[in-house]
Amino acid sequence: MAYGDSKRNALTPWYVGFLVILAGVLFVGYRMVNNGCPAPTFVELGVLIVIPAVYLCLMYLTFKSQD
């Protein structure tokens, strides 16, 4: 097999980013639960669900729009 013949999966960075975000969300959620975070529920949902979901969608669209 020649050097340039292998095809890399274009979504590999997305998968790595997903794992990093998942680890971050789990860590922040763990800290919020165990430290009795006084933040309102909608702020917690934004930090743990909305912001990571928007980031992953944008990252996915960026990779899919490339040739």
C-alpha atoms as a PDB file:
ATOM      1  CA  MET A   1       0.000   0.000   0.000  1.00  0.00           C
ATOM      2  CA  ALA A   2       1.429   3.348  -1.004  1.00  0.00           C
ATOM      3  CA  TYR A   3       1.602   6.274   1.377  1.00  0.00           C
ATOM      4  CA  GLY A   4      -1.363   8.237   0.000  1.00  0.00           C
ATOM      5  CA  ASP A   5      -3.722   5.341  -0.725  1.00  0.00           C
ATOM      6  CA  SER A   6      -5.453   5.083   2.646  1.00  0.00           C
ATOM      7  CA  LYS A   7      -8.705   6.970   3.152  1.00  0.00           C
ATOM      8  CA  ARG A   8      -9.303   8.539   6.555  1.00  0.00           C
ATOM      9  CA  ASN A   9     -12.741   8.915   8.042  1.00  0.00           C
ATOM     10  CA  ALA A  10     -13.666  12.602   7.826  1.00  0.00           C
ATOM     11  CA  LEU A  11     -15.751  12.354  10.992  1.00  0.00           C
ATOM     12  CA  THR A  12     -12.921  11.144  13.240  1.00  0.00           C
ATOM     13  CA  PRO A  13     -12.376  14.654  14.686  1.00  0.00           C
ATOM     14  CA  TRP A  14     -16.123  14.844  15.366  1.00  0.00           C
ATOM     15  CA  TYR A  15     -16.006  11.554  17.284  1.00  0.00           C
ATOM     16  CA  VAL A  16     -13.028  12.745  19.331  1.00  0.00           C
ATOM     17  CA  GLY A  17     -14.762  16.064  20.014  1.00  0.00           C
ATOM     18  CA  PHE A  18     -17.897  14.189  21.063  1.00  0.00           C
ATOM     19  CA  LEU A  19     -15.943  12.118  23.573  1.00  0.00           C
ATOM     20  CA  VAL A  20     -14.217  15.213  24.991  1.00  0.00           C
ATOM     21  CA  ILE A  21     -17.544  17.054  25.326  1.00  0.00           C
ATOM     22  CA  LEU A  22     -19.187  14.004  26.900  1.00  0.00           C
ATOM     23  CA  ALA A  23     -16.384  13.757  29.458  1.00  0.00           C
ATOM     24  CA  GLY A  24     -16.702  17.484  30.209  1.00  0.00           C
ATOM     25  CA  VAL A  25     -20.487  17.285  30.612  1.00  0.00           C
ATOM     26  CA  LEU A  26     -20.191  14.289  32.917  1.00  0.00           C
ATOM     27  CA  PHE A  27     -17.558  16.061  35.013  1.00  0.00           C
ATOM     28  CA  VAL A  28     -19.537  19.314  35.274  1.00  0.00           C
ATOM     29  CA  GLY A  29     -22.753  17.409  36.028  1.00  0.00           C
ATOM     30  CA  TYR A  30     -20.987  15.397  38.721  1.00  0.00           C
ATOM     31  CA  ARG A  31     -19.606  18.582  40.289  1.00  0.00           C
ATOM     32  CA  MET A  32     -23.026  20.290  40.172  1.00  0.00           C
ATOM     33  CA  VAL A  33     -24.755  17.355  41.859  1.00  0.00           C
ATOM     34  CA  ASN A  34     -22.142  16.735  44.549  1.00  0.00           C
ATOM     35  CA  ASN A  35     -21.435  20.370  45.433  1.00  0.00           C
ATOM     36  CA  GLY A  36     -25.079  21.419  45.661  1.00  0.00           C
ATOM     37  CA  CYS A  37     -24.808  23.924  42.820  1.00  0.00           C
ATOM     38  CA  PRO A  38     -27.160  26.869  43.519  1.00  0.00           C
ATOM     39  CA  ALA A  39     -27.602  27.635  39.799  1.00  0.00           C
ATOM     40  CA  PRO A  40     -31.200  27.663  38.515  1.00  0.00           C
ATOM     41  CA  THR A  41     -32.388  24.597  36.617  1.00  0.00           C
ATOM     42  CA  PHE A  42     -32.494  26.346  33.222  1.00  0.00           C
ATOM     43  CA  VAL A  43     -28.834  27.365  33.600  1.00  0.00           C
ATOM     44  CA  GLU A  44     -27.855  23.792  34.451  1.00  0.00           C
ATOM     45  CA  LEU A  45     -29.769  22.487  31.423  1.00  0.00           C
ATOM     46  CA  GLY A  46     -28.077  25.071  29.217  1.00  0.00           C
ATOM     47  CA  VAL A  47     -24.628  24.124  30.423  1.00  0.00           C
ATOM     48  CA  LEU A  48     -25.180  20.370  30.315  1.00  0.00           C
ATOM     49  CA  ILE A  49     -27.411  19.942  27.242  1.00  0.00           C
ATOM     50  CA  VAL A  50     -27.988  22.959  25.003  1.00  0.00           C
ATOM     51  CA  ILE A  51     -24.452  24.341  24.606  1.00  0.00           C
ATOM     52  CA  PRO A  52     -22.811  20.932  23.903  1.00  0.00           C
ATOM     53  CA  ALA A  53     -25.626  19.971  21.496  1.00  0.00           C
ATOM     54  CA  VAL A  54     -25.287  23.199  19.511  1.00  0.00           C
ATOM     55  CA  TYR A  55     -21.501  22.819  19.404  1.00  0.00           C
ATOM     56  CA  LEU A  56     -21.713  19.217  18.162  1.00  0.00           C
ATOM     57  CA  CYS A  57     -24.267  20.150  15.484  1.00  0.00           C
ATOM     58  CA  LEU A  58     -22.110  22.995  14.211  1.00  0.00           C
ATOM     59  CA  MET A  59     -19.001  20.821  14.233  1.00  0.00           C
ATOM     60  CA  TYR A  60     -20.856  18.076  12.314  1.00  0.00           C
ATOM     61  CA  LEU A  61     -22.131  20.548   9.712  1.00  0.00           C
ATOM     62  CA  THR A  62     -18.619  21.939   9.276  1.00  0.00           C
ATOM     63  CA  PHE A  63     -17.161  18.506   8.561  1.00  0.00           C
ATOM     64  CA  LYS A  64     -20.006  17.505   6.228  1.00  0.00           C
ATOM     65  CA  SER A  65     -19.641  20.705   4.181  1.00  0.00           C
ATOM     66  CA  GLN A  66     -16.004  19.923   3.348  1.00  0.00           C
ATOM     67  CA  ASP A  67     -15.117  18.067   0.162  1.00  0.00           C
END
